[in-house]
């Protein structure tokens, strides 16, 4: 991927491409996304897109890895309160369902098994260390820290766009979301607290 633009006008174009392409990829996947639609909606051209990202795949990578970083930064783990972390993840999935869809497309079109990204690109090391530390302190049930993390994330995604039962939206009544948060918080607490097993 080329370096990001240095001028304010270039930076604005770069960000428009990212914003438009995020929605395009979230809706259509990697194979179904169209560069023509992206550049038209971003008010730019293919040459500019390729100069910034190298290819359609490079553009997807920039967006996808950015979404992984966003989750880490916006919803940092607190392994001493995994129930609260699960609820904060639930809320982020309501705010940004496109991020879940991007991960789903990456799974469907690139990595049907194993980790979603190569080991050097994984951003879960801090989470795994935090869970292991909480386990050592007797706060979190024993088990592979990765499996504990995966289970909490899966529980937080129960109503997300990847649910095979029901996908929630931010437009639903606030009291419904609060009911789900309460259930999620209590379920994670019971499942993951060391003294609950």
N, C-alpha and C. Protein backbone atom coordinates (compact mmCIF):
# COMPACT_ATOMS: atom_id res chain seq x y z
N UNK A 1 0.85 -1.18 0.00
CA UNK A 1 0.00 0.00 0.00
C UNK A 1 0.89 1.23 0.00
N UNK A 2 0.53 2.22 -0.77
CA UNK A 2 1.30 3.45 -0.85
C UNK A 2 1.15 4.26 0.43
N UNK A 3 2.03 5.23 0.61
CA UNK A 3 1.92 6.09 1.77
C UNK A 3 0.65 6.92 1.70
N UNK A 4 0.16 7.31 2.87
CA UNK A 4 -1.01 8.17 2.92
C UNK A 4 -0.63 9.55 2.36
N UNK A 5 -1.61 10.26 1.82
CA UNK A 5 -1.34 11.56 1.23
C UNK A 5 -0.87 12.59 2.26
N UNK A 6 -0.08 13.55 1.79
CA UNK A 6 0.48 14.56 2.68
C UNK A 6 -0.33 15.85 2.71
N UNK A 7 -1.05 16.12 1.64
CA UNK A 7 -1.81 17.37 1.61
C UNK A 7 -3.17 17.19 2.27
N UNK A 8 -3.77 18.28 2.71
CA UNK A 8 -5.09 18.18 3.33
C UNK A 8 -6.15 17.73 2.32
N UNK A 9 -6.01 18.16 1.09
CA UNK A 9 -6.94 17.74 0.06
C UNK A 9 -6.79 16.24 -0.22
N UNK A 10 -5.55 15.78 -0.30
CA UNK A 10 -5.29 14.36 -0.50
C UNK A 10 -5.80 13.53 0.67
N UNK A 11 -5.59 14.04 1.88
CA UNK A 11 -6.07 13.32 3.07
C UNK A 11 -7.59 13.22 3.06
N UNK A 12 -8.26 14.27 2.62
CA UNK A 12 -9.72 14.25 2.55
C UNK A 12 -10.20 13.22 1.53
N UNK A 13 -9.53 13.16 0.38
CA UNK A 13 -9.88 12.16 -0.64
C UNK A 13 -9.64 10.75 -0.11
N UNK A 14 -8.51 10.56 0.51
CA UNK A 14 -8.15 9.27 1.11
C UNK A 14 -9.24 8.82 2.08
N UNK A 15 -9.68 9.72 2.96
CA UNK A 15 -10.70 9.38 3.95
C UNK A 15 -12.05 9.11 3.29
N UNK A 16 -12.39 9.88 2.24
CA UNK A 16 -13.65 9.62 1.52
C UNK A 16 -13.63 8.22 0.91
N UNK A 17 -12.49 7.85 0.33
CA UNK A 17 -12.38 6.51 -0.25
C UNK A 17 -12.60 5.46 0.83
N UNK A 18 -11.94 5.62 1.97
CA UNK A 18 -12.10 4.66 3.07
C UNK A 18 -13.56 4.58 3.52
N UNK A 19 -14.19 5.72 3.70
CA UNK A 19 -15.58 5.74 4.18
C UNK A 19 -16.52 5.06 3.20
N UNK A 20 -16.41 5.41 1.93
CA UNK A 20 -17.29 4.82 0.92
C UNK A 20 -16.99 3.34 0.75
N UNK A 21 -15.72 2.99 0.70
CA UNK A 21 -15.34 1.59 0.49
C UNK A 21 -15.75 0.71 1.67
N UNK A 22 -15.72 1.26 2.87
CA UNK A 22 -16.16 0.48 4.04
C UNK A 22 -17.59 0.02 3.83
N UNK A 23 -18.46 0.91 3.41
CA UNK A 23 -19.86 0.54 3.17
C UNK A 23 -19.99 -0.40 1.98
N UNK A 24 -19.21 -0.16 0.93
CA UNK A 24 -19.26 -1.01 -0.25
C UNK A 24 -18.85 -2.44 0.08
N UNK A 25 -17.74 -2.60 0.77
CA UNK A 25 -17.27 -3.94 1.15
C UNK A 25 -18.22 -4.59 2.15
N UNK A 26 -18.71 -3.82 3.10
CA UNK A 26 -19.63 -4.39 4.09
C UNK A 26 -20.90 -4.92 3.43
N UNK A 27 -21.37 -4.22 2.41
CA UNK A 27 -22.60 -4.63 1.74
C UNK A 27 -22.38 -5.74 0.72
N UNK A 28 -21.28 -5.68 -0.04
CA UNK A 28 -21.11 -6.57 -1.18
C UNK A 28 -19.98 -7.59 -1.05
N UNK A 29 -19.16 -7.47 -0.02
CA UNK A 29 -18.02 -8.38 0.11
C UNK A 29 -16.86 -7.94 -0.75
N UNK A 30 -15.81 -8.73 -0.71
CA UNK A 30 -14.60 -8.39 -1.47
C UNK A 30 -14.85 -8.59 -2.96
N UNK A 31 -15.35 -9.75 -3.33
CA UNK A 31 -15.58 -10.04 -4.75
C UNK A 31 -16.68 -9.16 -5.34
N UNK A 32 -17.70 -8.87 -4.55
CA UNK A 32 -18.84 -8.11 -5.07
C UNK A 32 -18.66 -6.61 -5.08
N UNK A 33 -17.69 -6.10 -4.33
CA UNK A 33 -17.46 -4.66 -4.29
C UNK A 33 -16.96 -4.20 -5.66
N UNK A 34 -17.35 -3.00 -6.05
CA UNK A 34 -16.96 -2.47 -7.35
C UNK A 34 -16.20 -1.16 -7.17
N UNK A 35 -14.99 -1.14 -7.73
CA UNK A 35 -14.15 0.06 -7.66
C UNK A 35 -14.86 1.24 -8.32
N UNK A 36 -15.60 0.99 -9.40
CA UNK A 36 -16.32 2.06 -10.10
C UNK A 36 -17.31 2.76 -9.17
N UNK A 37 -18.04 1.98 -8.38
CA UNK A 37 -18.99 2.57 -7.43
C UNK A 37 -18.26 3.35 -6.34
N UNK A 38 -17.14 2.80 -5.88
CA UNK A 38 -16.38 3.46 -4.81
C UNK A 38 -15.86 4.81 -5.28
N UNK A 39 -15.21 4.85 -6.43
CA UNK A 39 -14.62 6.12 -6.87
C UNK A 39 -15.70 7.14 -7.23
N UNK A 40 -16.83 6.68 -7.77
CA UNK A 40 -17.91 7.61 -8.08
C UNK A 40 -18.46 8.24 -6.80
N UNK A 41 -18.73 7.42 -5.81
CA UNK A 41 -19.29 7.94 -4.55
C UNK A 41 -18.27 8.76 -3.77
N UNK A 42 -16.99 8.44 -3.91
CA UNK A 42 -15.94 9.17 -3.20
C UNK A 42 -15.48 10.41 -3.97
N UNK A 43 -16.05 10.63 -5.13
CA UNK A 43 -15.71 11.78 -5.98
C UNK A 43 -14.21 11.84 -6.28
N UNK A 44 -13.71 10.70 -6.79
CA UNK A 44 -12.30 10.61 -7.17
C UNK A 44 -12.20 9.72 -8.39
N UNK A 45 -11.05 9.14 -8.64
CA UNK A 45 -10.87 8.28 -9.80
C UNK A 45 -10.06 7.05 -9.43
N UNK A 46 -10.05 6.08 -10.37
CA UNK A 46 -9.35 4.82 -10.09
C UNK A 46 -7.86 5.05 -9.86
N UNK A 47 -7.27 5.94 -10.64
CA UNK A 47 -5.83 6.19 -10.50
C UNK A 47 -5.50 6.64 -9.07
N UNK A 48 -6.33 7.49 -8.51
CA UNK A 48 -6.08 7.97 -7.15
C UNK A 48 -6.25 6.84 -6.14
N UNK A 49 -7.31 6.05 -6.31
CA UNK A 49 -7.53 4.92 -5.40
C UNK A 49 -6.34 3.96 -5.44
N UNK A 50 -5.90 3.62 -6.65
CA UNK A 50 -4.77 2.68 -6.78
C UNK A 50 -3.47 3.28 -6.28
N UNK A 51 -3.31 4.58 -6.42
CA UNK A 51 -2.10 5.23 -5.90
C UNK A 51 -2.05 5.13 -4.38
N UNK A 52 -3.20 5.24 -3.73
CA UNK A 52 -3.24 5.17 -2.27
C UNK A 52 -3.21 3.74 -1.74
N UNK A 53 -3.88 2.81 -2.43
CA UNK A 53 -4.09 1.47 -1.86
C UNK A 53 -3.52 0.33 -2.68
N UNK A 54 -3.07 0.59 -3.90
CA UNK A 54 -2.45 -0.43 -4.72
C UNK A 54 -3.41 -1.30 -5.50
N UNK A 55 -4.51 -1.69 -4.89
CA UNK A 55 -5.48 -2.58 -5.52
C UNK A 55 -6.77 -2.58 -4.70
N UNK A 56 -7.79 -3.21 -5.24
CA UNK A 56 -9.03 -3.36 -4.48
C UNK A 56 -8.77 -4.18 -3.22
N UNK A 57 -7.96 -5.22 -3.34
CA UNK A 57 -7.62 -6.04 -2.17
C UNK A 57 -6.83 -5.24 -1.14
N UNK A 58 -5.94 -4.37 -1.60
CA UNK A 58 -5.18 -3.51 -0.69
C UNK A 58 -6.10 -2.54 0.04
N UNK A 59 -7.12 -2.06 -0.65
CA UNK A 59 -8.10 -1.17 -0.04
C UNK A 59 -8.89 -1.94 1.02
N UNK A 60 -9.32 -3.15 0.70
CA UNK A 60 -10.03 -3.96 1.70
C UNK A 60 -9.13 -4.19 2.92
N UNK A 61 -7.88 -4.53 2.68
CA UNK A 61 -6.96 -4.78 3.80
C UNK A 61 -6.84 -3.56 4.70
N UNK A 62 -6.71 -2.39 4.10
CA UNK A 62 -6.58 -1.15 4.90
C UNK A 62 -7.82 -0.95 5.77
N UNK A 63 -8.98 -1.20 5.20
CA UNK A 63 -10.23 -1.04 5.94
C UNK A 63 -10.37 -2.12 7.01
N UNK A 64 -10.10 -3.35 6.63
CA UNK A 64 -10.28 -4.46 7.56
C UNK A 64 -9.33 -4.35 8.75
N UNK A 65 -8.05 -4.10 8.49
CA UNK A 65 -7.11 -3.98 9.61
C UNK A 65 -7.42 -2.74 10.45
N UNK A 66 -7.91 -1.70 9.81
CA UNK A 66 -8.36 -0.52 10.56
C UNK A 66 -9.52 -0.85 11.47
N UNK A 67 -10.42 -1.73 11.01
CA UNK A 67 -11.57 -2.11 11.85
C UNK A 67 -11.12 -2.94 13.04
N UNK A 68 -10.12 -3.80 12.85
CA UNK A 68 -9.59 -4.58 13.96
C UNK A 68 -8.95 -3.66 15.00
N UNK A 69 -8.19 -2.68 14.53
CA UNK A 69 -7.57 -1.72 15.45
C UNK A 69 -8.63 -0.90 16.17
N UNK A 70 -9.68 -0.55 15.46
CA UNK A 70 -10.75 0.25 16.07
C UNK A 70 -11.36 -0.49 17.26
N UNK A 71 -11.67 -1.76 17.09
CA UNK A 71 -12.27 -2.53 18.19
C UNK A 71 -11.34 -2.55 19.39
N UNK A 72 -10.05 -2.77 19.15
CA UNK A 72 -9.07 -2.82 20.25
C UNK A 72 -9.02 -1.48 20.98
N UNK A 73 -9.04 -0.38 20.22
CA UNK A 73 -8.90 0.94 20.82
C UNK A 73 -10.19 1.48 21.42
N UNK A 74 -11.31 1.24 20.76
CA UNK A 74 -12.58 1.79 21.22
C UNK A 74 -13.17 0.95 22.35
N UNK A 75 -12.92 -0.35 22.31
CA UNK A 75 -13.46 -1.25 23.33
C UNK A 75 -12.30 -2.05 23.94
N UNK A 76 -11.45 -1.39 24.71
CA UNK A 76 -10.32 -2.12 25.30
C UNK A 76 -10.81 -3.12 26.34
N UNK A 77 -10.09 -4.22 26.42
CA UNK A 77 -10.49 -5.28 27.35
C UNK A 77 -10.20 -4.87 28.79
N UNK A 78 -11.08 -5.30 29.67
CA UNK A 78 -10.84 -5.26 31.10
C UNK A 78 -11.10 -6.69 31.58
N UNK A 79 -10.03 -7.47 31.69
CA UNK A 79 -10.18 -8.88 32.03
C UNK A 79 -10.69 -9.08 33.45
N UNK A 80 -10.62 -8.04 34.28
CA UNK A 80 -11.19 -8.16 35.63
C UNK A 80 -12.71 -8.01 35.60
N UNK A 81 -13.25 -7.58 34.46
CA UNK A 81 -14.70 -7.46 34.30
C UNK A 81 -15.07 -7.81 32.86
N UNK A 82 -14.97 -9.09 32.55
CA UNK A 82 -15.28 -9.54 31.19
C UNK A 82 -16.74 -9.31 30.83
N UNK A 83 -17.61 -9.31 31.81
CA UNK A 83 -19.03 -9.06 31.55
C UNK A 83 -19.24 -7.65 31.02
N UNK A 84 -18.57 -6.67 31.60
CA UNK A 84 -18.66 -5.30 31.12
C UNK A 84 -18.06 -5.18 29.72
N UNK A 85 -16.94 -5.86 29.50
CA UNK A 85 -16.31 -5.84 28.17
C UNK A 85 -17.28 -6.39 27.13
N UNK A 86 -17.97 -7.48 27.44
CA UNK A 86 -18.93 -8.06 26.51
C UNK A 86 -20.04 -7.07 26.17
N UNK A 87 -20.53 -6.35 27.17
CA UNK A 87 -21.59 -5.37 26.94
C UNK A 87 -21.09 -4.21 26.09
N UNK A 88 -19.86 -3.77 26.35
CA UNK A 88 -19.30 -2.69 25.52
C UNK A 88 -19.09 -3.14 24.08
N UNK A 89 -18.72 -4.41 23.88
CA UNK A 89 -18.63 -4.95 22.52
C UNK A 89 -20.01 -4.98 21.86
N UNK A 90 -21.03 -5.41 22.59
CA UNK A 90 -22.40 -5.43 22.07
C UNK A 90 -22.78 -4.03 21.57
N UNK A 91 -22.48 -3.03 22.38
CA UNK A 91 -22.83 -1.66 22.00
C UNK A 91 -22.06 -1.20 20.77
N UNK A 92 -20.80 -1.59 20.65
CA UNK A 92 -20.01 -1.21 19.47
C UNK A 92 -20.56 -1.89 18.22
N UNK A 93 -21.00 -3.12 18.34
CA UNK A 93 -21.58 -3.81 17.18
C UNK A 93 -22.89 -3.14 16.76
N UNK A 94 -23.62 -2.58 17.72
CA UNK A 94 -24.83 -1.82 17.36
C UNK A 94 -24.46 -0.54 16.61
N UNK A 95 -23.42 0.13 17.09
CA UNK A 95 -22.99 1.38 16.45
C UNK A 95 -22.40 1.14 15.07
N UNK A 96 -21.63 0.06 14.93
CA UNK A 96 -20.89 -0.18 13.69
C UNK A 96 -21.10 -1.60 13.17
N UNK A 97 -22.30 -1.94 12.74
CA UNK A 97 -22.51 -3.29 12.20
C UNK A 97 -21.66 -3.58 10.97
N UNK A 98 -21.22 -2.53 10.29
CA UNK A 98 -20.37 -2.72 9.11
C UNK A 98 -19.06 -3.40 9.48
N UNK A 99 -18.55 -3.17 10.68
CA UNK A 99 -17.29 -3.79 11.08
C UNK A 99 -17.44 -5.30 11.20
N UNK A 100 -18.58 -5.74 11.69
CA UNK A 100 -18.84 -7.18 11.80
C UNK A 100 -19.00 -7.78 10.41
N UNK A 101 -19.66 -7.06 9.54
CA UNK A 101 -19.84 -7.57 8.18
C UNK A 101 -18.50 -7.71 7.46
N UNK A 102 -17.58 -6.77 7.68
CA UNK A 102 -16.26 -6.87 7.07
C UNK A 102 -15.55 -8.14 7.52
N UNK A 103 -15.60 -8.43 8.80
CA UNK A 103 -14.98 -9.65 9.33
C UNK A 103 -15.65 -10.89 8.74
N UNK A 104 -16.96 -10.82 8.56
CA UNK A 104 -17.69 -11.96 8.00
C UNK A 104 -17.26 -12.21 6.56
N UNK A 105 -17.13 -11.14 5.78
CA UNK A 105 -16.67 -11.31 4.40
C UNK A 105 -15.25 -11.84 4.35
N UNK A 106 -14.39 -11.36 5.24
CA UNK A 106 -13.01 -11.87 5.29
C UNK A 106 -13.03 -13.37 5.58
N UNK A 107 -13.89 -13.79 6.50
CA UNK A 107 -14.01 -15.21 6.83
C UNK A 107 -14.52 -16.00 5.63
N UNK A 108 -15.57 -15.51 4.99
CA UNK A 108 -16.17 -16.23 3.87
C UNK A 108 -15.27 -16.30 2.64
N UNK A 109 -14.60 -15.18 2.33
CA UNK A 109 -13.88 -15.11 1.07
C UNK A 109 -12.38 -15.38 1.18
N UNK A 110 -11.85 -15.31 2.40
CA UNK A 110 -10.40 -15.47 2.53
C UNK A 110 -9.99 -16.59 3.46
N UNK A 111 -10.54 -16.63 4.64
CA UNK A 111 -10.08 -17.56 5.67
C UNK A 111 -11.25 -18.35 6.27
N UNK A 112 -11.66 -19.41 5.61
CA UNK A 112 -12.79 -20.17 6.14
C UNK A 112 -12.47 -20.93 7.42
N UNK A 113 -11.18 -21.08 7.75
CA UNK A 113 -10.81 -21.81 8.97
C UNK A 113 -9.61 -21.14 9.63
N UNK A 114 -9.44 -21.40 10.91
CA UNK A 114 -8.30 -20.86 11.63
C UNK A 114 -8.47 -19.40 11.97
N UNK A 115 -7.36 -18.75 12.32
CA UNK A 115 -7.40 -17.34 12.67
C UNK A 115 -7.79 -16.51 11.45
N UNK A 116 -8.43 -15.39 11.70
CA UNK A 116 -8.90 -14.52 10.63
C UNK A 116 -7.76 -13.80 9.92
N UNK A 117 -6.66 -13.59 10.63
CA UNK A 117 -5.49 -12.92 10.06
C UNK A 117 -4.23 -13.70 10.42
N UNK A 118 -3.14 -13.44 9.71
CA UNK A 118 -1.87 -14.08 10.03
C UNK A 118 -1.40 -13.67 11.42
N UNK A 119 -0.60 -14.51 12.03
CA UNK A 119 -0.12 -14.24 13.39
C UNK A 119 0.48 -12.86 13.57
N UNK A 120 1.33 -12.37 12.66
CA UNK A 120 1.90 -11.03 12.89
C UNK A 120 0.86 -9.90 12.90
N UNK A 121 -0.29 -10.16 12.29
CA UNK A 121 -1.34 -9.13 12.20
C UNK A 121 -2.40 -9.26 13.30
N UNK A 122 -2.30 -10.30 14.11
CA UNK A 122 -3.28 -10.46 15.19
C UNK A 122 -3.06 -9.40 16.25
N UNK A 123 -4.17 -8.91 16.78
CA UNK A 123 -4.11 -7.85 17.78
C UNK A 123 -4.63 -8.33 19.13
N UNK A 124 -4.56 -9.62 19.38
CA UNK A 124 -5.15 -10.13 20.61
C UNK A 124 -4.12 -10.44 21.70
N UNK A 125 -2.86 -10.17 21.49
CA UNK A 125 -1.84 -10.49 22.49
C UNK A 125 -2.12 -9.81 23.82
N UNK A 126 -2.44 -8.52 23.80
CA UNK A 126 -2.73 -7.80 25.04
C UNK A 126 -3.95 -8.40 25.75
N UNK A 127 -4.97 -8.76 24.98
CA UNK A 127 -6.17 -9.36 25.56
C UNK A 127 -5.83 -10.69 26.22
N UNK A 128 -5.05 -11.50 25.55
CA UNK A 128 -4.71 -12.82 26.08
C UNK A 128 -3.87 -12.69 27.35
N UNK A 129 -2.95 -11.76 27.37
CA UNK A 129 -2.14 -11.54 28.58
C UNK A 129 -3.02 -11.06 29.73
N UNK A 130 -3.98 -10.18 29.43
CA UNK A 130 -4.87 -9.66 30.47
C UNK A 130 -5.74 -10.78 31.05
N UNK A 131 -6.23 -11.66 30.20
CA UNK A 131 -7.05 -12.78 30.67
C UNK A 131 -6.20 -13.73 31.50
N UNK A 132 -4.99 -14.04 31.04
CA UNK A 132 -4.11 -14.93 31.80
C UNK A 132 -3.78 -14.34 33.16
N UNK A 133 -3.57 -13.05 33.23
CA UNK A 133 -3.28 -12.38 34.51
C UNK A 133 -4.50 -12.47 35.44
N UNK A 134 -5.69 -12.25 34.89
CA UNK A 134 -6.91 -12.35 35.70
C UNK A 134 -7.14 -13.79 36.15
N UNK A 135 -6.79 -14.75 35.32
CA UNK A 135 -6.89 -16.15 35.72
C UNK A 135 -5.93 -16.45 36.87
N UNK A 136 -4.70 -15.96 36.75
CA UNK A 136 -3.70 -16.19 37.80
C UNK A 136 -4.13 -15.56 39.13
N UNK A 137 -4.88 -14.45 39.04
CA UNK A 137 -5.37 -13.78 40.25
C UNK A 137 -6.65 -14.44 40.79
N UNK A 138 -7.14 -15.47 40.10
CA UNK A 138 -8.33 -16.16 40.57
C UNK A 138 -9.64 -15.46 40.24
N UNK A 139 -9.61 -14.53 39.28
CA UNK A 139 -10.81 -13.78 38.92
C UNK A 139 -11.58 -14.38 37.75
N UNK A 140 -10.88 -15.06 36.88
CA UNK A 140 -11.47 -15.62 35.66
C UNK A 140 -11.24 -17.13 35.67
N UNK A 141 -12.23 -17.85 35.23
CA UNK A 141 -12.14 -19.32 35.18
C UNK A 141 -10.91 -19.76 34.41
N UNK A 142 -10.42 -20.93 34.74
CA UNK A 142 -9.27 -21.49 34.05
C UNK A 142 -9.67 -21.96 32.66
N UNK A 143 -8.69 -22.07 31.81
CA UNK A 143 -8.89 -22.48 30.44
C UNK A 143 -7.95 -21.68 29.56
N UNK A 144 -7.84 -22.09 28.34
CA UNK A 144 -6.97 -21.39 27.40
C UNK A 144 -7.48 -19.95 27.28
N UNK A 145 -6.62 -18.96 27.52
CA UNK A 145 -7.07 -17.56 27.43
C UNK A 145 -7.71 -17.22 26.07
N UNK A 146 -7.20 -17.84 25.00
CA UNK A 146 -7.81 -17.58 23.70
C UNK A 146 -9.25 -18.08 23.66
N UNK A 147 -9.48 -19.26 24.21
CA UNK A 147 -10.84 -19.81 24.22
C UNK A 147 -11.78 -18.98 25.10
N UNK A 148 -11.28 -18.49 26.22
CA UNK A 148 -12.08 -17.61 27.08
C UNK A 148 -12.45 -16.35 26.30
N UNK A 149 -11.45 -15.73 25.65
CA UNK A 149 -11.71 -14.52 24.86
C UNK A 149 -12.72 -14.80 23.76
N UNK A 150 -12.52 -15.90 23.03
CA UNK A 150 -13.42 -16.23 21.92
C UNK A 150 -14.85 -16.43 22.41
N UNK A 151 -15.01 -17.06 23.57
CA UNK A 151 -16.35 -17.30 24.10
C UNK A 151 -17.04 -15.99 24.49
N UNK A 152 -16.30 -15.09 25.13
CA UNK A 152 -16.89 -13.80 25.53
C UNK A 152 -17.28 -13.01 24.28
N UNK A 153 -16.40 -12.99 23.29
CA UNK A 153 -16.73 -12.27 22.05
C UNK A 153 -17.95 -12.89 21.39
N UNK A 154 -18.01 -14.21 21.34
CA UNK A 154 -19.17 -14.88 20.73
C UNK A 154 -20.47 -14.52 21.45
N UNK A 155 -20.41 -14.49 22.78
CA UNK A 155 -21.60 -14.12 23.54
C UNK A 155 -22.02 -12.69 23.25
N UNK A 156 -21.04 -11.80 23.09
CA UNK A 156 -21.36 -10.40 22.81
C UNK A 156 -21.95 -10.22 21.42
N UNK A 157 -21.70 -11.18 20.54
CA UNK A 157 -22.18 -11.09 19.16
C UNK A 157 -23.50 -11.83 18.95
N UNK A 158 -24.14 -12.26 20.03
CA UNK A 158 -25.35 -13.07 19.91
C UNK A 158 -26.44 -12.39 19.09
N UNK A 159 -26.50 -11.06 19.13
CA UNK A 159 -27.53 -10.32 18.39
C UNK A 159 -26.92 -9.47 17.28
N UNK A 160 -25.70 -9.75 16.89
CA UNK A 160 -25.00 -8.95 15.87
C UNK A 160 -25.39 -9.42 14.47
N UNK A 161 -24.87 -8.76 13.43
CA UNK A 161 -25.18 -9.19 12.06
C UNK A 161 -24.74 -10.61 11.72
N UNK A 162 -23.88 -11.24 12.54
CA UNK A 162 -23.48 -12.62 12.26
C UNK A 162 -24.36 -13.64 13.00
N UNK A 163 -25.34 -13.17 13.75
CA UNK A 163 -26.24 -14.08 14.44
C UNK A 163 -27.05 -14.89 13.44
N UNK A 164 -27.21 -16.18 13.74
CA UNK A 164 -28.07 -16.99 12.86
C UNK A 164 -29.50 -17.04 13.40
N UNK A 165 -29.76 -16.19 14.42
CA UNK A 165 -31.10 -16.15 15.02
C UNK A 165 -31.76 -14.80 14.81
N UNK A 166 -31.02 -13.72 15.14
CA UNK A 166 -31.63 -12.39 15.09
C UNK A 166 -30.54 -11.32 15.09
N UNK A 167 -30.62 -10.38 14.18
CA UNK A 167 -29.68 -9.27 14.12
C UNK A 167 -30.34 -8.00 14.66
N UNK A 168 -29.79 -7.49 15.74
CA UNK A 168 -30.32 -6.28 16.37
C UNK A 168 -29.87 -5.04 15.60
N UNK A 169 -30.60 -3.95 15.80
CA UNK A 169 -30.20 -2.67 15.23
C UNK A 169 -30.28 -1.60 16.31
N UNK A 170 -29.56 -0.52 16.08
CA UNK A 170 -29.58 0.60 17.03
C UNK A 170 -30.95 1.27 17.09
N UNK A 171 -31.80 1.03 16.09
CA UNK A 171 -33.12 1.67 16.05
C UNK A 171 -34.15 0.97 16.93
N UNK A 172 -33.83 -0.15 17.49
CA UNK A 172 -34.78 -0.84 18.36
C UNK A 172 -34.95 -0.07 19.67
N UNK A 173 -36.02 -0.33 20.40
CA UNK A 173 -36.28 0.41 21.65
C UNK A 173 -35.13 0.26 22.65
N UNK A 174 -34.75 1.35 23.30
CA UNK A 174 -33.66 1.30 24.28
C UNK A 174 -33.86 0.26 25.38
N UNK A 175 -35.11 0.08 25.80
CA UNK A 175 -35.36 -0.89 26.87
C UNK A 175 -35.06 -2.33 26.41
N UNK A 176 -35.22 -2.62 25.14
CA UNK A 176 -34.88 -3.93 24.61
C UNK A 176 -33.38 -4.16 24.68
N UNK A 177 -32.62 -3.14 24.31
CA UNK A 177 -31.15 -3.25 24.40
C UNK A 177 -30.71 -3.39 25.85
N UNK A 178 -31.38 -2.71 26.73
CA UNK A 178 -31.00 -2.82 28.14
C UNK A 178 -31.28 -4.22 28.67
N UNK A 179 -32.37 -4.83 28.25
CA UNK A 179 -32.66 -6.22 28.64
C UNK A 179 -31.56 -7.15 28.15
N UNK A 180 -31.14 -6.96 26.92
CA UNK A 180 -30.08 -7.80 26.36
C UNK A 180 -28.77 -7.58 27.10
N UNK A 181 -28.46 -6.33 27.39
CA UNK A 181 -27.22 -6.02 28.13
C UNK A 181 -27.23 -6.72 29.49
N UNK A 182 -28.37 -6.67 30.18
CA UNK A 182 -28.48 -7.31 31.49
C UNK A 182 -28.27 -8.81 31.37
N UNK A 183 -28.93 -9.43 30.40
CA UNK A 183 -28.77 -10.87 30.19
C UNK A 183 -27.32 -11.22 29.82
N UNK A 184 -26.75 -10.45 28.91
CA UNK A 184 -25.37 -10.70 28.49
C UNK A 184 -24.40 -10.55 29.65
N UNK A 185 -24.55 -9.47 30.41
CA UNK A 185 -23.66 -9.22 31.56
C UNK A 185 -23.72 -10.38 32.55
N UNK A 186 -24.93 -10.79 32.89
CA UNK A 186 -25.09 -11.87 33.86
C UNK A 186 -24.59 -13.20 33.32
N UNK A 187 -24.83 -13.46 32.05
CA UNK A 187 -24.40 -14.72 31.44
C UNK A 187 -22.88 -14.82 31.39
N UNK A 188 -22.22 -13.75 30.98
CA UNK A 188 -20.76 -13.76 30.93
C UNK A 188 -20.19 -13.87 32.34
N UNK A 189 -20.77 -13.13 33.27
CA UNK A 189 -20.30 -13.19 34.65
C UNK A 189 -20.38 -14.63 35.18
N UNK A 190 -21.51 -15.29 34.97
CA UNK A 190 -21.68 -16.66 35.46
C UNK A 190 -20.75 -17.64 34.74
N UNK A 191 -20.56 -17.43 33.46
CA UNK A 191 -19.75 -18.37 32.68
C UNK A 191 -18.25 -18.19 32.94
N UNK A 192 -17.80 -16.96 33.20
CA UNK A 192 -16.37 -16.70 33.21
C UNK A 192 -15.76 -16.37 34.57
N UNK A 193 -16.57 -16.14 35.58
CA UNK A 193 -16.02 -15.85 36.90
C UNK A 193 -15.52 -17.14 37.54
N UNK A 194 -14.34 -17.10 38.10
CA UNK A 194 -13.70 -18.32 38.63
C UNK A 194 -14.55 -19.00 39.69
N UNK A 195 -15.20 -18.26 40.55
CA UNK A 195 -15.94 -18.89 41.64
C UNK A 195 -17.32 -19.42 41.20
N UNK A 196 -17.65 -19.29 39.92
CA UNK A 196 -18.95 -19.75 39.43
C UNK A 196 -18.88 -21.17 38.89
N UNK A 197 -17.68 -21.75 38.86
CA UNK A 197 -17.57 -23.09 38.26
C UNK A 197 -17.41 -24.17 39.31
